[in-house]
N, C-alpha and C. Protein backbone atom coordinates (compact mmCIF):
# COMPACT_ATOMS: atom_id res chain seq x y z
N UNK A 1 -104.29 85.82 39.34
CA UNK A 1 -104.57 84.55 39.98
C UNK A 1 -105.93 84.00 39.55
N UNK A 2 -106.89 84.88 39.28
CA UNK A 2 -108.24 84.44 38.92
C UNK A 2 -108.25 83.51 37.71
N UNK A 3 -107.35 83.74 36.75
CA UNK A 3 -107.35 82.90 35.56
C UNK A 3 -106.82 81.50 35.83
N UNK A 4 -106.16 81.30 36.98
CA UNK A 4 -105.59 79.99 37.32
C UNK A 4 -106.56 79.08 38.06
N UNK A 5 -107.56 79.68 38.72
CA UNK A 5 -108.47 78.87 39.54
C UNK A 5 -109.88 78.90 38.95
N UNK A 6 -110.58 77.77 39.12
CA UNK A 6 -111.95 77.69 38.62
C UNK A 6 -112.87 78.49 39.53
N UNK A 7 -114.02 78.86 39.00
CA UNK A 7 -115.00 79.61 39.77
C UNK A 7 -115.49 78.83 40.98
N UNK A 8 -115.46 77.49 40.88
CA UNK A 8 -115.96 76.66 41.97
C UNK A 8 -114.84 75.98 42.76
N UNK A 9 -113.65 76.58 42.76
CA UNK A 9 -112.52 76.05 43.51
C UNK A 9 -112.90 75.77 44.97
N UNK A 10 -112.38 74.66 45.50
CA UNK A 10 -112.45 74.39 46.94
C UNK A 10 -111.03 74.26 47.44
N UNK A 11 -110.67 75.08 48.42
CA UNK A 11 -109.32 75.09 48.98
C UNK A 11 -109.41 74.71 50.44
N UNK A 12 -108.86 73.54 50.75
CA UNK A 12 -108.83 73.02 52.12
C UNK A 12 -107.46 73.34 52.69
N UNK A 13 -107.37 74.41 53.46
CA UNK A 13 -106.10 74.91 53.99
C UNK A 13 -105.81 74.32 55.36
N UNK A 14 -104.55 73.91 55.56
CA UNK A 14 -104.16 73.42 56.88
C UNK A 14 -104.23 74.55 57.91
N UNK A 15 -104.00 75.78 57.48
CA UNK A 15 -104.01 76.91 58.41
C UNK A 15 -105.42 77.24 58.91
N UNK A 16 -106.42 76.94 58.10
CA UNK A 16 -107.80 77.24 58.49
C UNK A 16 -108.58 76.01 58.92
N UNK A 17 -107.92 74.85 58.92
CA UNK A 17 -108.60 73.59 59.25
C UNK A 17 -109.19 73.60 60.65
N UNK A 18 -108.51 74.23 61.59
CA UNK A 18 -109.01 74.24 62.97
C UNK A 18 -110.35 74.98 63.08
N UNK A 19 -110.60 75.87 62.13
CA UNK A 19 -111.87 76.60 62.10
C UNK A 19 -112.91 75.87 61.26
N UNK A 20 -112.51 74.77 60.61
CA UNK A 20 -113.42 74.04 59.74
C UNK A 20 -113.77 74.81 58.48
N UNK A 21 -112.89 75.70 58.09
CA UNK A 21 -113.17 76.59 56.97
C UNK A 21 -112.63 76.04 55.66
N UNK A 22 -113.41 76.19 54.61
CA UNK A 22 -113.00 75.86 53.25
C UNK A 22 -113.13 77.14 52.43
N UNK A 23 -112.07 77.50 51.73
CA UNK A 23 -112.09 78.70 50.89
C UNK A 23 -112.63 78.30 49.52
N UNK A 24 -113.57 79.08 48.99
CA UNK A 24 -114.22 78.72 47.74
C UNK A 24 -114.11 79.83 46.70
N UNK A 25 -113.78 79.41 45.48
CA UNK A 25 -113.76 80.32 44.34
C UNK A 25 -112.70 81.40 44.42
N UNK A 26 -112.82 82.36 43.52
CA UNK A 26 -111.87 83.46 43.45
C UNK A 26 -111.86 84.28 44.73
N UNK A 27 -113.03 84.55 45.26
CA UNK A 27 -113.11 85.33 46.50
C UNK A 27 -112.45 84.58 47.65
N UNK A 28 -112.62 83.27 47.67
CA UNK A 28 -112.01 82.46 48.72
C UNK A 28 -110.49 82.55 48.73
N UNK A 29 -109.89 82.52 47.54
CA UNK A 29 -108.43 82.64 47.46
C UNK A 29 -107.98 84.00 47.98
N UNK A 30 -108.71 85.05 47.62
CA UNK A 30 -108.37 86.39 48.12
C UNK A 30 -108.48 86.44 49.64
N UNK A 31 -109.55 85.84 50.19
CA UNK A 31 -109.73 85.81 51.65
C UNK A 31 -108.62 85.02 52.33
N UNK A 32 -108.18 83.93 51.72
CA UNK A 32 -107.10 83.12 52.27
C UNK A 32 -105.83 83.95 52.42
N UNK A 33 -105.42 84.62 51.33
CA UNK A 33 -104.19 85.41 51.39
C UNK A 33 -104.33 86.61 52.32
N UNK A 34 -105.50 87.19 52.39
CA UNK A 34 -105.74 88.29 53.32
C UNK A 34 -105.59 87.80 54.77
N UNK A 35 -106.12 86.61 55.06
CA UNK A 35 -106.02 86.08 56.43
C UNK A 35 -104.56 85.79 56.79
N UNK A 36 -103.78 85.35 55.82
CA UNK A 36 -102.35 85.14 56.08
C UNK A 36 -101.65 86.46 56.36
N UNK A 37 -101.95 87.47 55.55
CA UNK A 37 -101.34 88.79 55.75
C UNK A 37 -101.73 89.39 57.10
N UNK A 38 -102.93 89.08 57.57
CA UNK A 38 -103.37 89.59 58.87
C UNK A 38 -102.69 88.87 60.03
N UNK A 39 -102.17 87.68 59.78
CA UNK A 39 -101.57 86.87 60.84
C UNK A 39 -100.05 86.93 60.88
N UNK A 40 -99.42 87.27 59.73
CA UNK A 40 -97.97 87.22 59.65
C UNK A 40 -97.38 88.48 59.06
N UNK A 41 -96.21 88.87 59.56
CA UNK A 41 -95.37 89.89 58.95
C UNK A 41 -94.32 89.16 58.13
N UNK A 42 -93.82 89.82 57.10
CA UNK A 42 -92.75 89.26 56.26
C UNK A 42 -93.11 87.86 55.75
N UNK A 43 -94.38 87.66 55.41
CA UNK A 43 -94.84 86.37 54.93
C UNK A 43 -94.21 86.05 53.58
N UNK A 44 -93.78 84.81 53.47
CA UNK A 44 -93.17 84.35 52.22
C UNK A 44 -93.57 82.90 51.97
N UNK A 45 -94.05 82.61 50.77
CA UNK A 45 -94.38 81.25 50.35
C UNK A 45 -93.47 80.90 49.18
N UNK A 46 -92.69 79.85 49.33
CA UNK A 46 -91.75 79.45 48.29
C UNK A 46 -92.02 78.01 47.88
N UNK A 47 -92.40 77.81 46.61
CA UNK A 47 -92.59 76.46 46.10
C UNK A 47 -91.21 75.82 45.93
N UNK A 48 -91.01 74.71 46.61
CA UNK A 48 -89.73 74.01 46.54
C UNK A 48 -89.71 73.01 45.38
N UNK A 49 -90.84 72.35 45.18
CA UNK A 49 -90.89 71.32 44.15
C UNK A 49 -92.33 71.14 43.68
N UNK A 50 -92.48 70.86 42.39
CA UNK A 50 -93.77 70.52 41.81
C UNK A 50 -93.63 69.12 41.23
N UNK A 51 -94.51 68.21 41.64
CA UNK A 51 -94.44 66.81 41.24
C UNK A 51 -95.69 66.45 40.45
N UNK A 52 -95.49 65.96 39.24
CA UNK A 52 -96.61 65.48 38.43
C UNK A 52 -97.08 64.17 39.02
N UNK A 53 -98.31 64.14 39.52
CA UNK A 53 -98.86 62.94 40.14
C UNK A 53 -99.64 62.11 39.13
N UNK A 54 -99.64 62.52 37.89
CA UNK A 54 -100.39 61.81 36.86
C UNK A 54 -101.84 62.22 36.85
N UNK A 55 -102.50 61.94 35.77
CA UNK A 55 -103.91 62.30 35.66
C UNK A 55 -104.09 63.79 35.78
N UNK A 56 -104.93 64.20 36.69
CA UNK A 56 -105.27 65.61 36.84
C UNK A 56 -104.72 66.22 38.12
N UNK A 57 -103.66 65.61 38.70
CA UNK A 57 -103.13 66.12 39.97
C UNK A 57 -101.64 66.44 39.91
N UNK A 58 -101.27 67.46 40.67
CA UNK A 58 -99.87 67.78 40.93
C UNK A 58 -99.72 67.98 42.43
N UNK A 59 -98.51 67.72 42.91
CA UNK A 59 -98.18 67.94 44.32
C UNK A 59 -97.20 69.09 44.38
N UNK A 60 -97.48 70.06 45.25
CA UNK A 60 -96.55 71.16 45.48
C UNK A 60 -95.98 70.99 46.88
N UNK A 61 -94.66 71.07 46.99
CA UNK A 61 -93.99 71.11 48.28
C UNK A 61 -93.57 72.56 48.49
N UNK A 62 -94.01 73.14 49.60
CA UNK A 62 -93.92 74.59 49.81
C UNK A 62 -93.30 74.90 51.17
N UNK A 63 -92.46 75.93 51.20
CA UNK A 63 -91.96 76.49 52.45
C UNK A 63 -92.74 77.77 52.73
N UNK A 64 -93.25 77.90 53.96
CA UNK A 64 -93.86 79.15 54.39
C UNK A 64 -92.99 79.71 55.51
N UNK A 65 -92.75 81.00 55.46
CA UNK A 65 -91.97 81.64 56.52
C UNK A 65 -92.52 83.04 56.77
N UNK A 66 -92.23 83.53 57.94
CA UNK A 66 -92.68 84.86 58.34
C UNK A 66 -92.53 85.02 59.84
N UNK A 67 -93.14 86.06 60.36
CA UNK A 67 -93.16 86.32 61.81
C UNK A 67 -94.59 86.58 62.22
N UNK A 68 -94.99 85.99 63.33
CA UNK A 68 -96.34 86.20 63.82
C UNK A 68 -96.57 87.66 64.16
N UNK A 69 -97.71 88.20 63.71
CA UNK A 69 -98.04 89.59 64.06
C UNK A 69 -98.28 89.66 65.56
N UNK A 70 -97.76 90.65 66.18
CA UNK A 70 -97.93 90.81 67.61
C UNK A 70 -96.87 90.08 68.39
N UNK A 71 -96.65 88.81 68.12
CA UNK A 71 -95.68 88.01 68.87
C UNK A 71 -94.27 88.13 68.30
N UNK A 72 -94.15 88.39 67.01
CA UNK A 72 -92.87 88.45 66.29
C UNK A 72 -92.13 87.11 66.32
N UNK A 73 -92.83 86.03 66.66
CA UNK A 73 -92.22 84.71 66.67
C UNK A 73 -92.00 84.27 65.22
N UNK A 74 -90.76 83.87 64.90
CA UNK A 74 -90.49 83.43 63.53
C UNK A 74 -91.14 82.07 63.25
N UNK A 75 -91.62 81.94 62.02
CA UNK A 75 -92.25 80.70 61.57
C UNK A 75 -91.57 80.27 60.29
N UNK A 76 -91.22 79.00 60.21
CA UNK A 76 -90.71 78.42 58.96
C UNK A 76 -91.16 76.97 58.96
N UNK A 77 -91.95 76.62 57.96
CA UNK A 77 -92.52 75.27 57.92
C UNK A 77 -92.65 74.81 56.47
N UNK A 78 -92.33 73.56 56.25
CA UNK A 78 -92.50 72.94 54.93
C UNK A 78 -93.78 72.12 54.97
N UNK A 79 -94.62 72.31 53.97
CA UNK A 79 -95.87 71.57 53.90
C UNK A 79 -96.13 71.15 52.46
N UNK A 80 -97.20 70.39 52.24
CA UNK A 80 -97.52 69.92 50.90
C UNK A 80 -98.95 70.24 50.53
N UNK A 81 -99.17 70.36 49.24
CA UNK A 81 -100.51 70.58 48.70
C UNK A 81 -100.72 69.65 47.51
N UNK A 82 -101.95 69.17 47.37
CA UNK A 82 -102.34 68.44 46.18
C UNK A 82 -103.32 69.33 45.42
N UNK A 83 -102.96 69.66 44.19
CA UNK A 83 -103.80 70.47 43.32
C UNK A 83 -104.47 69.54 42.32
N UNK A 84 -105.79 69.65 42.21
CA UNK A 84 -106.55 68.91 41.22
C UNK A 84 -106.97 69.88 40.13
N UNK A 85 -106.64 69.53 38.89
CA UNK A 85 -106.87 70.41 37.75
C UNK A 85 -108.03 69.92 36.90
N UNK A 86 -108.69 70.86 36.25
CA UNK A 86 -109.77 70.52 35.34
C UNK A 86 -109.89 71.64 34.32
N UNK A 87 -109.90 71.31 33.06
CA UNK A 87 -110.04 72.29 31.98
C UNK A 87 -109.04 73.45 32.10
N UNK A 88 -107.80 73.13 32.49
CA UNK A 88 -106.75 74.12 32.55
C UNK A 88 -106.77 75.03 33.76
N UNK A 89 -107.64 74.76 34.73
CA UNK A 89 -107.68 75.56 35.95
C UNK A 89 -107.61 74.65 37.18
N UNK A 90 -107.29 75.25 38.31
CA UNK A 90 -107.23 74.50 39.57
C UNK A 90 -108.65 74.43 40.13
N UNK A 91 -109.11 73.20 40.36
CA UNK A 91 -110.47 72.98 40.85
C UNK A 91 -110.50 72.71 42.36
N UNK A 92 -109.41 72.09 42.88
CA UNK A 92 -109.37 71.79 44.31
C UNK A 92 -107.93 71.81 44.78
N UNK A 93 -107.72 72.33 45.99
CA UNK A 93 -106.42 72.32 46.64
C UNK A 93 -106.61 71.72 48.03
N UNK A 94 -105.84 70.68 48.33
CA UNK A 94 -105.85 70.08 49.66
C UNK A 94 -104.46 70.24 50.25
N UNK A 95 -104.37 70.87 51.42
CA UNK A 95 -103.09 71.10 52.09
C UNK A 95 -102.85 70.08 53.19
N UNK A 96 -101.58 69.78 53.40
CA UNK A 96 -101.16 68.81 54.42
C UNK A 96 -99.96 69.38 55.16
N UNK A 97 -99.98 69.33 56.49
CA UNK A 97 -98.85 69.82 57.28
C UNK A 97 -97.58 69.03 56.99
N UNK A 98 -97.73 67.75 56.72
CA UNK A 98 -96.60 66.88 56.43
C UNK A 98 -96.53 66.66 54.92
N UNK A 99 -95.46 67.07 54.26
CA UNK A 99 -95.36 66.88 52.81
C UNK A 99 -95.55 65.42 52.38
N UNK A 100 -95.10 64.48 53.20
CA UNK A 100 -95.26 63.06 52.86
C UNK A 100 -96.73 62.68 52.77
N UNK A 101 -97.58 63.30 53.57
CA UNK A 101 -99.03 63.03 53.51
C UNK A 101 -99.61 63.51 52.18
N UNK A 102 -99.13 64.64 51.68
CA UNK A 102 -99.60 65.15 50.39
C UNK A 102 -99.19 64.20 49.27
N UNK A 103 -97.95 63.74 49.34
CA UNK A 103 -97.45 62.81 48.33
C UNK A 103 -98.26 61.52 48.35
N UNK A 104 -98.52 61.01 49.55
CA UNK A 104 -99.33 59.80 49.69
C UNK A 104 -100.77 60.01 49.21
N UNK A 105 -101.35 61.16 49.55
CA UNK A 105 -102.73 61.45 49.15
C UNK A 105 -102.89 61.47 47.63
N UNK A 106 -101.81 61.81 46.93
CA UNK A 106 -101.83 61.84 45.47
C UNK A 106 -101.52 60.47 44.87
N UNK A 107 -101.35 59.47 45.73
CA UNK A 107 -101.08 58.11 45.25
C UNK A 107 -99.64 57.85 44.89
N UNK A 108 -98.73 58.68 45.41
CA UNK A 108 -97.31 58.53 45.15
C UNK A 108 -96.60 58.10 46.45
N UNK A 109 -95.30 57.83 46.35
CA UNK A 109 -94.51 57.56 47.55
C UNK A 109 -93.19 58.30 47.41
N UNK A 110 -92.60 58.67 48.56
CA UNK A 110 -91.33 59.40 48.53
C UNK A 110 -90.18 58.47 48.21
């Protein structure tokens, strides 16, 4: 994964937004996935669609599923991300709970 993201990556996650947290760089991505693993059992992230938004952006529509640790409550949610690329690596990721918001943020429409 390190070769895909820039050293100065900024990842604005919908899951960590309530904490005001931004994950940064390679270590930030590792911390993000660790926090998900600590919160969910049987965690699964499935990219449903990748949309070329033109220029240096792509939109990913993603399904996340799993069960809450401790509660065992099942979770299944579709969300969107806008990835901004630079020099062949991901420089910024912005997540949106509503996939339509991600599409709109990238200057596209459904």
